[in-house]
N, C-alpha and C. Protein backbone atom coordinates (compact mmCIF):
# COMPACT_ATOMS: atom_id res chain seq x y z
N MET A 1 42.16 -104.22 24.57
CA MET A 1 43.90 -104.39 24.50
C MET A 1 44.60 -103.97 25.39
N THR A 2 45.60 -104.16 26.09
CA THR A 2 46.00 -102.86 27.32
C THR A 2 47.45 -103.31 27.07
N LEU A 3 48.43 -101.88 27.21
CA LEU A 3 49.73 -102.15 27.06
C LEU A 3 50.13 -102.36 28.83
N ASP A 4 51.38 -102.48 29.20
CA ASP A 4 51.85 -102.37 30.30
C ASP A 4 51.97 -101.18 30.92
N LEU A 5 51.45 -99.97 30.37
CA LEU A 5 51.66 -98.57 30.83
C LEU A 5 50.38 -97.99 31.20
N GLY A 6 49.16 -99.17 31.01
CA GLY A 6 47.91 -98.87 31.23
C GLY A 6 47.37 -97.97 30.06
N CYS A 7 47.57 -98.36 29.05
CA CYS A 7 46.83 -97.68 27.63
C CYS A 7 45.99 -98.44 27.23
N ARG A 8 44.79 -97.86 26.37
CA ARG A 8 43.85 -98.70 25.90
C ARG A 8 43.98 -98.17 24.30
N THR A 9 42.81 -98.83 23.74
CA THR A 9 42.65 -98.39 22.44
C THR A 9 41.40 -98.01 22.42
N LEU A 10 41.24 -97.18 21.36
CA LEU A 10 39.82 -96.28 20.90
C LEU A 10 39.54 -97.21 19.45
N GLY A 11 38.83 -98.23 19.26
CA GLY A 11 38.43 -98.66 18.21
C GLY A 11 39.72 -99.37 17.41
N ALA A 12 39.50 -98.61 15.93
CA ALA A 12 41.02 -98.69 15.27
C ALA A 12 41.91 -97.71 15.45
N GLY A 13 41.54 -96.87 16.23
CA GLY A 13 42.48 -95.37 16.31
C GLY A 13 44.02 -95.80 17.28
N PRO A 14 44.54 -94.84 17.43
CA PRO A 14 45.87 -95.28 17.79
C PRO A 14 45.86 -95.35 19.39
N TRP A 15 46.65 -95.69 20.11
CA TRP A 15 47.16 -96.26 21.32
C TRP A 15 46.90 -94.90 22.03
N VAL A 16 45.89 -94.75 23.16
CA VAL A 16 45.60 -93.59 23.83
C VAL A 16 45.80 -93.87 25.41
N PRO A 17 46.65 -93.10 25.91
CA PRO A 17 46.70 -92.98 27.42
C PRO A 17 45.45 -92.74 28.34
N ASP A 18 44.81 -93.70 29.35
CA ASP A 18 43.75 -93.09 29.78
C ASP A 18 44.08 -92.06 30.85
N LEU A 19 43.71 -90.82 30.16
CA LEU A 19 44.53 -89.86 31.36
C LEU A 19 43.20 -89.33 32.15
N GLY A 20 42.26 -89.82 31.86
CA GLY A 20 40.78 -89.12 32.68
C GLY A 20 40.42 -87.72 32.31
N CYS A 21 41.09 -87.19 30.98
CA CYS A 21 40.79 -85.92 31.06
C CYS A 21 39.98 -86.02 29.52
N ARG A 22 39.08 -85.10 29.34
CA ARG A 22 38.53 -84.85 27.96
C ARG A 22 38.91 -83.70 27.08
N THR A 23 39.62 -82.51 28.20
CA THR A 23 40.11 -81.37 27.36
C THR A 23 41.20 -81.51 26.52
N LEU A 24 41.87 -82.74 26.66
CA LEU A 24 43.02 -82.87 25.60
C LEU A 24 42.72 -82.56 23.77
N GLY A 25 43.15 -81.95 23.57
CA GLY A 25 42.83 -81.77 21.81
C GLY A 25 43.31 -82.99 20.99
N ALA A 26 42.95 -83.30 20.26
CA ALA A 26 43.43 -84.58 19.12
C ALA A 26 44.70 -84.67 18.83
N TRP A 27 45.43 -83.48 18.65
CA TRP A 27 46.90 -83.56 18.55
C TRP A 27 47.75 -83.80 19.49
N HIS A 28 47.39 -83.11 20.79
CA HIS A 28 48.22 -83.57 22.20
C HIS A 28 48.13 -85.01 22.40
N LEU A 29 46.65 -85.07 22.23
CA LEU A 29 46.19 -86.81 22.97
C LEU A 29 46.69 -87.66 22.12
N TRP A 30 47.48 -87.45 20.60
CA TRP A 30 47.97 -88.36 19.80
C TRP A 30 49.53 -88.28 20.28
N THR A 31 49.98 -86.97 20.13
CA THR A 31 51.34 -86.72 20.63
C THR A 31 51.49 -87.44 22.13
N LEU A 32 50.86 -87.55 22.87
CA LEU A 32 50.90 -88.20 24.26
C LEU A 32 51.02 -89.55 24.03
N SER A 33 50.04 -90.07 23.39
CA SER A 33 49.67 -91.61 23.04
C SER A 33 51.10 -92.04 22.19
N TRP A 34 51.46 -91.33 21.35
CA TRP A 34 52.76 -91.72 20.78
C TRP A 34 54.08 -92.04 21.69
N HIS A 35 54.28 -91.04 22.20
CA HIS A 35 55.21 -91.02 23.23
C HIS A 35 55.01 -91.96 24.42
N LEU A 36 53.92 -92.21 25.07
CA LEU A 36 53.73 -93.33 25.83
C LEU A 36 53.87 -94.49 25.02
N TRP A 37 53.45 -94.83 24.03
CA TRP A 37 53.49 -95.96 23.12
C TRP A 37 54.93 -96.56 23.10
N THR A 38 55.48 -95.56 22.53
CA THR A 38 57.22 -95.82 22.41
C THR A 38 57.84 -95.85 24.02
N LEU A 39 57.76 -95.42 24.73
CA LEU A 39 58.28 -95.72 26.02
C LEU A 39 57.83 -97.26 26.42
N SER A 40 56.79 -97.67 25.79
CA SER A 40 56.43 -98.81 26.33
C SER A 40 57.00 -99.99 25.47
N SER A 41 57.41 -99.71 24.34
CA SER A 41 58.19 -100.56 23.49
C SER A 41 59.39 -100.57 24.02
N LEU A 42 60.09 -99.83 24.49
CA LEU A 42 61.67 -99.85 25.13
C LEU A 42 61.77 -100.97 25.65
N ARG A 43 62.71 -101.33 25.83
CA ARG A 43 63.10 -102.81 26.38
C ARG A 43 64.45 -102.84 27.20
N GLY A 44 65.20 -101.71 27.16
CA GLY A 44 66.41 -101.17 27.76
C GLY A 44 67.21 -99.71 27.84
N GLU A 45 67.86 -99.61 28.73
CA GLU A 45 68.27 -97.93 29.09
C GLU A 45 69.19 -97.80 27.76
N LYS A 46 69.66 -98.67 26.81
CA LYS A 46 70.64 -98.36 25.70
C LYS A 46 69.35 -97.77 24.51
N GLN A 47 68.14 -98.08 24.52
CA GLN A 47 66.96 -97.23 23.77
C GLN A 47 66.37 -96.24 24.25
N VAL A 48 66.50 -95.92 25.58
CA VAL A 48 65.84 -94.77 26.17
C VAL A 48 67.20 -93.57 26.03
N SER A 49 66.69 -92.58 25.55
CA SER A 49 67.48 -91.14 25.39
C SER A 49 66.90 -90.32 26.22
N LYS A 50 67.67 -89.20 26.64
CA LYS A 50 67.17 -87.85 27.31
C LYS A 50 66.30 -87.34 26.05
N THR A 51 66.43 -87.33 24.82
CA THR A 51 65.78 -86.49 23.85
C THR A 51 64.38 -87.27 24.25
N SER A 52 64.10 -88.57 23.92
CA SER A 52 62.80 -89.25 23.80
C SER A 52 62.24 -88.86 25.00
N LEU A 53 62.73 -88.84 26.31
CA LEU A 53 62.47 -88.55 27.64
C LEU A 53 62.02 -87.14 27.49
N SER A 54 62.80 -86.41 26.58
CA SER A 54 62.59 -84.75 26.84
C SER A 54 61.05 -84.47 25.92
N PHE A 55 60.82 -85.10 24.77
CA PHE A 55 59.71 -84.88 23.96
C PHE A 55 58.40 -85.66 24.65
N PHE A 56 58.49 -86.52 25.67
CA PHE A 56 57.40 -86.82 26.51
C PHE A 56 57.12 -85.80 27.50
N LEU A 57 58.16 -85.16 28.21
CA LEU A 57 57.91 -84.37 28.89
C LEU A 57 57.28 -82.92 28.70
N ALA A 58 57.61 -82.90 27.45
CA ALA A 58 57.34 -81.57 26.21
C ALA A 58 55.95 -81.33 26.33
N ALA A 59 55.17 -82.90 26.05
CA ALA A 59 53.85 -83.10 25.89
C ALA A 59 53.24 -82.99 26.98
N LEU A 60 53.74 -83.12 28.23
CA LEU A 60 52.78 -83.11 29.18
C LEU A 60 52.84 -81.60 29.80
N THR A 61 53.57 -80.98 29.23
CA THR A 61 53.39 -79.32 29.59
C THR A 61 52.08 -79.12 29.05
N THR A 62 51.71 -79.55 28.17
CA THR A 62 50.13 -79.37 27.54
C THR A 62 49.13 -79.41 28.36
N LEU A 63 49.10 -80.25 29.36
CA LEU A 63 47.99 -80.76 30.26
C LEU A 63 47.79 -79.86 31.17
N ASP A 64 46.49 -79.81 31.49
CA ASP A 64 46.39 -79.29 32.57
C ASP A 64 46.29 -79.90 34.10
N SER A 65 46.51 -79.11 35.19
CA SER A 65 46.89 -79.86 36.48
C SER A 65 46.21 -80.80 36.59
N ALA A 66 45.33 -81.33 36.36
CA ALA A 66 44.35 -82.03 36.99
C ALA A 66 44.67 -83.74 36.15
N SER A 67 45.44 -83.26 35.19
CA SER A 67 45.52 -84.42 34.22
C SER A 67 47.32 -84.86 34.36
N LEU A 68 47.84 -84.19 35.16
CA LEU A 68 49.28 -84.67 35.25
C LEU A 68 49.39 -86.09 36.00
N ASP A 69 48.78 -86.27 37.06
CA ASP A 69 49.11 -87.11 37.92
C ASP A 69 49.30 -88.99 37.00
N VAL A 70 48.48 -89.28 36.31
CA VAL A 70 48.51 -90.37 35.52
C VAL A 70 49.72 -90.57 34.63
N PRO A 71 49.81 -89.51 33.81
CA PRO A 71 50.98 -89.85 32.95
C PRO A 71 52.13 -89.72 33.85
N VAL A 72 52.50 -88.97 34.60
CA VAL A 72 53.73 -88.81 35.23
C VAL A 72 54.01 -89.78 36.06
N GLY A 73 53.00 -90.49 36.64
CA GLY A 73 53.22 -91.96 37.45
C GLY A 73 53.76 -93.11 36.44
N LEU A 74 52.83 -92.85 35.28
CA LEU A 74 53.05 -94.14 34.23
C LEU A 74 54.94 -93.91 33.69
N LEU A 75 54.88 -92.68 33.52
CA LEU A 75 56.41 -92.68 33.25
C LEU A 75 57.32 -92.75 34.20
N LEU A 76 56.98 -92.43 35.30
CA LEU A 76 58.27 -93.04 36.64
C LEU A 76 58.20 -94.27 36.38
N GLU A 77 56.92 -95.11 36.49
CA GLU A 77 56.77 -96.47 36.66
C GLU A 77 57.97 -97.18 35.48
N ARG A 78 57.77 -96.50 34.39
CA ARG A 78 58.33 -97.13 33.50
C ARG A 78 59.64 -96.68 33.23
N VAL A 79 60.10 -95.65 33.85
CA VAL A 79 61.63 -95.18 33.94
C VAL A 79 62.33 -96.15 35.19
N VAL A 80 61.71 -96.29 35.91
CA VAL A 80 62.34 -97.05 37.02
C VAL A 80 62.28 -98.74 36.50
N LYS A 81 61.65 -99.09 35.88
CA LYS A 81 61.54 -100.33 35.50
C LYS A 81 62.74 -100.44 34.26
N LEU A 82 63.00 -99.65 33.61
CA LEU A 82 64.18 -99.48 32.57
C LEU A 82 65.52 -98.82 33.14
N GLY A 83 65.55 -98.48 34.47
CA GLY A 83 66.28 -98.29 35.08
C GLY A 83 67.46 -96.84 34.25
N VAL A 84 66.64 -95.82 33.92
CA VAL A 84 66.87 -94.76 33.33
C VAL A 84 66.77 -93.45 34.09
N GLU A 85 66.64 -93.59 35.29
CA GLU A 85 66.17 -92.27 35.88
C GLU A 85 67.28 -90.97 36.07
N SER A 86 68.57 -91.51 35.77
CA SER A 86 69.27 -90.25 35.21
C SER A 86 69.14 -89.52 34.39
N GLU A 87 68.50 -90.27 33.18
CA GLU A 87 68.11 -89.58 32.00
C GLU A 87 66.99 -88.81 31.82
N LEU A 88 66.04 -89.33 32.60
CA LEU A 88 64.77 -88.74 33.24
C LEU A 88 65.11 -87.22 33.81
N GLY A 89 66.18 -87.69 34.87
CA GLY A 89 66.36 -86.34 35.50
C GLY A 89 66.99 -85.33 34.97
N ALA A 90 67.73 -85.54 33.70
CA ALA A 90 68.31 -84.85 32.69
C ALA A 90 67.61 -83.98 31.91
N ALA A 91 66.66 -84.44 31.60
CA ALA A 91 65.49 -84.22 30.67
C ALA A 91 64.64 -83.10 31.47
N LEU A 92 64.44 -83.44 32.62
CA LEU A 92 63.40 -82.70 33.70
C LEU A 92 64.23 -81.15 34.12
N VAL A 93 65.50 -81.30 34.31
CA VAL A 93 66.32 -80.11 34.43
C VAL A 93 66.33 -79.49 33.24
N GLU A 94 66.42 -79.85 31.84
CA GLU A 94 66.49 -79.06 30.79
C GLU A 94 65.37 -78.31 30.45
N LEU A 95 64.35 -79.24 30.74
CA LEU A 95 62.74 -78.76 30.46
C LEU A 95 62.35 -77.40 31.47
N LEU A 96 63.22 -77.25 32.46
CA LEU A 96 63.20 -76.12 33.22
C LEU A 96 63.35 -74.94 32.45
N GLY A 97 64.29 -74.99 31.33
CA GLY A 97 64.72 -73.79 30.79
C GLY A 97 63.40 -73.28 29.60
N CYS A 98 62.44 -74.09 29.64
CA CYS A 98 61.03 -73.75 29.11
C CYS A 98 60.56 -72.49 29.51
N GLU A 99 60.37 -71.74 28.23
CA GLU A 99 59.72 -70.33 28.31
C GLU A 99 58.43 -70.50 28.95
N MET A 100 57.66 -71.34 28.59
CA MET A 100 56.10 -71.69 29.05
C MET A 100 55.88 -71.97 30.19
N LEU A 101 56.91 -72.61 31.00
CA LEU A 101 56.98 -73.05 32.38
C LEU A 101 57.33 -72.06 33.10
N GLN A 102 58.53 -71.12 32.50
CA GLN A 102 58.72 -69.97 33.25
C GLN A 102 57.88 -68.52 33.20
N LYS A 103 56.91 -68.83 32.28
CA LYS A 103 55.95 -67.68 32.32
C LYS A 103 54.59 -67.92 33.21
N TRP A 104 54.51 -69.46 33.62
CA TRP A 104 53.09 -69.63 34.11
C TRP A 104 53.85 -70.40 35.54
N ALA A 105 53.72 -69.13 36.88
CA ALA A 105 53.84 -69.63 37.82
C ALA A 105 53.24 -70.84 38.12
N ASP A 106 51.70 -70.78 38.22
CA ASP A 106 50.81 -72.00 38.55
C ASP A 106 51.38 -73.06 37.90
N MET A 107 51.53 -73.29 36.62
CA MET A 107 52.17 -74.50 35.95
C MET A 107 53.39 -74.91 36.77
N ILE A 108 54.45 -74.23 37.05
CA ILE A 108 55.42 -74.77 37.52
C ILE A 108 55.09 -75.32 39.22
N LYS A 109 54.40 -74.40 39.44
CA LYS A 109 53.88 -74.64 40.88
C LYS A 109 53.44 -76.30 40.60
N THR A 110 52.40 -76.63 40.10
CA THR A 110 51.75 -77.59 39.96
C THR A 110 52.97 -78.87 39.45
N TRP A 111 53.53 -78.30 38.32
CA TRP A 111 54.38 -79.39 37.99
C TRP A 111 55.32 -79.96 39.24
N ASN A 112 55.60 -78.85 40.28
CA ASN A 112 56.69 -79.16 41.21
C ASN A 112 56.11 -80.26 42.49
N ALA A 113 54.98 -79.97 42.46
CA ALA A 113 53.95 -80.40 43.39
C ALA A 113 53.87 -82.10 42.73
N VAL A 114 53.63 -82.08 41.83
CA VAL A 114 53.00 -83.69 41.19
C VAL A 114 54.32 -84.39 41.37
N TRP A 115 55.52 -83.88 40.73
CA TRP A 115 56.95 -84.40 40.76
C TRP A 115 57.51 -84.96 42.01
N GLN A 116 57.38 -83.68 42.89
CA GLN A 116 57.61 -84.22 44.32
C GLN A 116 57.03 -85.30 44.64
N ARG A 117 55.70 -85.41 44.60
CA ARG A 117 55.18 -86.36 45.04
C ARG A 117 55.08 -87.58 44.73
N LEU A 118 55.10 -88.07 43.39
CA LEU A 118 55.22 -89.16 42.49
C LEU A 118 56.86 -89.71 42.52
N GLY A 119 57.66 -88.79 42.60
CA GLY A 119 58.90 -88.82 42.61
C GLY A 119 59.90 -89.02 43.73
N ALA A 120 59.16 -88.94 44.64
CA ALA A 120 60.11 -88.59 46.03
C ALA A 120 60.81 -89.76 46.43
N ASN A 121 60.41 -91.04 46.08
CA ASN A 121 61.09 -92.04 46.59
C ASN A 121 62.10 -92.86 45.74
N ILE A 122 62.15 -92.17 44.48
CA ILE A 122 63.22 -92.58 43.29
C ILE A 122 64.70 -91.69 43.68
N PRO A 123 65.38 -92.83 43.87
CA PRO A 123 66.71 -92.03 44.53
C PRO A 123 67.57 -91.37 43.59
N GLY A 124 67.35 -91.80 42.09
CA GLY A 124 68.04 -91.05 40.86
C GLY A 124 67.51 -89.82 40.79
N LEU A 125 66.52 -89.52 41.45
CA LEU A 125 65.61 -88.30 41.05
C LEU A 125 66.13 -87.18 42.16
N VAL A 126 66.67 -87.64 43.15
CA VAL A 126 66.84 -86.69 44.22
C VAL A 126 67.64 -85.40 43.83
N VAL A 127 68.48 -85.10 43.19
CA VAL A 127 69.12 -83.83 42.75
C VAL A 127 67.92 -83.21 41.80
N PRO A 128 67.55 -83.92 40.58
CA PRO A 128 66.73 -83.28 39.61
C PRO A 128 65.41 -82.49 40.71
N LEU A 129 64.86 -83.33 41.17
CA LEU A 129 63.77 -82.90 42.16
C LEU A 129 64.04 -81.61 43.15
N ARG A 130 65.24 -81.84 43.38
CA ARG A 130 65.92 -80.38 44.45
C ARG A 130 65.92 -79.52 43.51
N LEU A 131 66.69 -79.52 42.32
CA LEU A 131 66.34 -78.18 41.34
C LEU A 131 65.05 -77.76 40.74
N LEU A 132 64.05 -78.89 40.77
CA LEU A 132 63.00 -78.17 40.00
C LEU A 132 62.19 -77.57 41.27
N ASP A 133 62.31 -77.97 42.68
CA ASP A 133 61.83 -77.46 43.89
C ASP A 133 62.49 -75.96 43.77
N THR A 134 63.40 -75.92 43.78
CA THR A 134 64.21 -74.57 44.03
C THR A 134 64.07 -73.61 42.57
N ALA A 135 63.71 -74.18 41.28
CA ALA A 135 63.38 -73.44 40.45
C ALA A 135 62.03 -72.90 40.06
N SER A 136 61.10 -73.54 40.85
CA SER A 136 59.51 -73.35 41.10
C SER A 136 59.78 -72.30 42.24
N ASN A 137 60.48 -72.45 43.05
CA ASN A 137 60.43 -71.24 44.25
C ASN A 137 60.87 -69.80 43.65
N TYR A 138 62.07 -70.32 43.03
CA TYR A 138 62.63 -69.18 42.15
C TYR A 138 61.80 -68.28 41.13
N LEU A 139 61.01 -69.06 40.51
CA LEU A 139 60.18 -68.58 39.34
C LEU A 139 58.70 -68.06 39.91
N VAL A 140 58.35 -68.40 41.06
CA VAL A 140 57.13 -67.90 41.61
C VAL A 140 57.63 -66.61 42.40
N THR A 141 58.49 -66.60 42.94
CA THR A 141 59.03 -65.40 44.02
C THR A 141 59.61 -64.23 43.37
N GLU A 142 60.74 -65.06 42.13
CA GLU A 142 61.71 -64.21 41.62
C GLU A 142 62.91 -63.47 42.35
N ARG A 143 62.79 -64.46 43.47
CA ARG A 143 64.13 -63.89 44.10
C ARG A 143 65.28 -64.56 44.37
N CYS A 144 66.45 -64.28 43.95
CA CYS A 144 67.80 -65.10 43.72
C CYS A 144 68.21 -65.73 44.97
N GLU A 145 67.31 -65.41 46.22
CA GLU A 145 67.83 -65.82 47.68
C GLU A 145 67.48 -67.62 47.78
N CYS A 146 66.23 -67.75 46.72
CA CYS A 146 65.88 -69.31 46.56
C CYS A 146 66.92 -70.03 46.09
N LEU A 147 67.95 -69.44 45.43
CA LEU A 147 69.01 -70.31 44.88
C LEU A 147 70.00 -70.50 45.81
N LEU A 148 70.36 -70.00 46.78
CA LEU A 148 71.41 -70.28 47.48
C LEU A 148 71.54 -71.34 48.39
N LYS A 149 70.21 -72.01 48.50
CA LYS A 149 70.17 -73.07 49.43
C LYS A 149 70.87 -74.27 48.94
N LEU A 150 71.18 -73.96 47.32
CA LEU A 150 71.85 -75.35 46.68
C LEU A 150 73.45 -75.24 46.85
N PRO A 151 73.86 -76.47 46.78
CA PRO A 151 75.27 -76.46 46.53
C PRO A 151 75.59 -75.71 45.32
N LEU A 152 76.95 -75.29 45.27
CA LEU A 152 77.25 -74.22 44.14
C LEU A 152 77.21 -74.97 42.95
N GLU A 153 77.78 -76.07 42.60
CA GLU A 153 77.48 -76.80 41.17
C GLU A 153 76.05 -76.90 40.72
N GLU A 154 75.00 -77.01 41.62
CA GLU A 154 73.87 -76.93 41.44
C GLU A 154 73.24 -75.89 41.24
N ARG A 155 73.80 -75.01 41.86
CA ARG A 155 73.42 -73.45 41.63
C ARG A 155 73.87 -73.05 40.19
N LYS A 156 74.98 -73.10 40.05
CA LYS A 156 75.34 -72.71 38.84
C LYS A 156 74.46 -73.45 37.58
N LEU A 157 74.39 -74.70 37.74
CA LEU A 157 73.53 -75.29 36.57
C LEU A 157 72.10 -74.63 36.69
N LEU A 158 71.54 -74.72 37.68
CA LEU A 158 70.17 -74.23 37.52
C LEU A 158 69.94 -72.38 37.32
N MET A 159 71.15 -71.88 37.38
CA MET A 159 71.07 -70.44 36.98
C MET A 159 71.27 -70.30 35.50
N GLU A 160 72.08 -71.24 34.91
CA GLU A 160 72.05 -71.41 33.12
C GLU A 160 70.87 -71.85 33.12
N VAL A 161 70.19 -72.91 33.21
CA VAL A 161 69.29 -73.40 32.76
C VAL A 161 67.89 -72.08 32.81
N LEU A 162 67.90 -71.39 33.79
CA LEU A 162 66.92 -70.53 33.83
C LEU A 162 67.30 -69.30 33.51
N ARG A 163 68.80 -68.90 33.02
CA ARG A 163 69.17 -67.74 32.30
C ARG A 163 69.15 -66.49 33.50
N VAL A 164 69.38 -67.12 34.94
CA VAL A 164 69.74 -66.16 35.82
C VAL A 164 71.20 -65.27 35.78
N PRO A 165 71.18 -64.16 35.41
CA PRO A 165 72.52 -63.58 35.40
C PRO A 165 73.16 -63.59 36.49
N ASN A 166 74.74 -63.70 36.40
CA ASN A 166 75.39 -64.22 37.53
C ASN A 166 75.56 -63.36 38.62
N ASP A 167 75.35 -62.00 38.27
CA ASP A 167 75.46 -60.89 39.10
C ASP A 167 74.28 -60.50 40.10
N SER A 168 73.36 -61.38 39.86
CA SER A 168 72.00 -61.18 40.29
C SER A 168 72.15 -61.04 42.13
N PHE A 169 73.15 -61.72 42.50
CA PHE A 169 72.91 -61.69 43.94
C PHE A 169 74.06 -60.50 44.45
């Protein structure tokens, strides 16, 4: 039995996304499965909230870098189909404030690379992906000059999310 998001069933168990990764713990796998199933059952933008997308994105942070392409691709496919790119963009920008992403430079670089590659052709994600790219550069280099390439309103938003002091320049 297959969902339109590429999920499969394992015996009588829950829906499990075929992530091609055997290193996921049962809880992480169940969490991703639940959020992916939830997204697959949504039928319109009124049912999709930034919060539901935030939960899915947070579950994605538990994956190793080799396992991100499939679930991110499936998520983008479903989001575009439902027309909720702005909600996903808002959730993605909000996630940049996650301490786990901020602490691990390799993770943020991987996240940036995957999202830039898979989301580049989605018009509703242009600004969030620009913010993700800038945040990645800032968190890796710890240089405030990275933020200067953004327009003022985007820079202020990103500085707030990343908790960069205003007097850093």
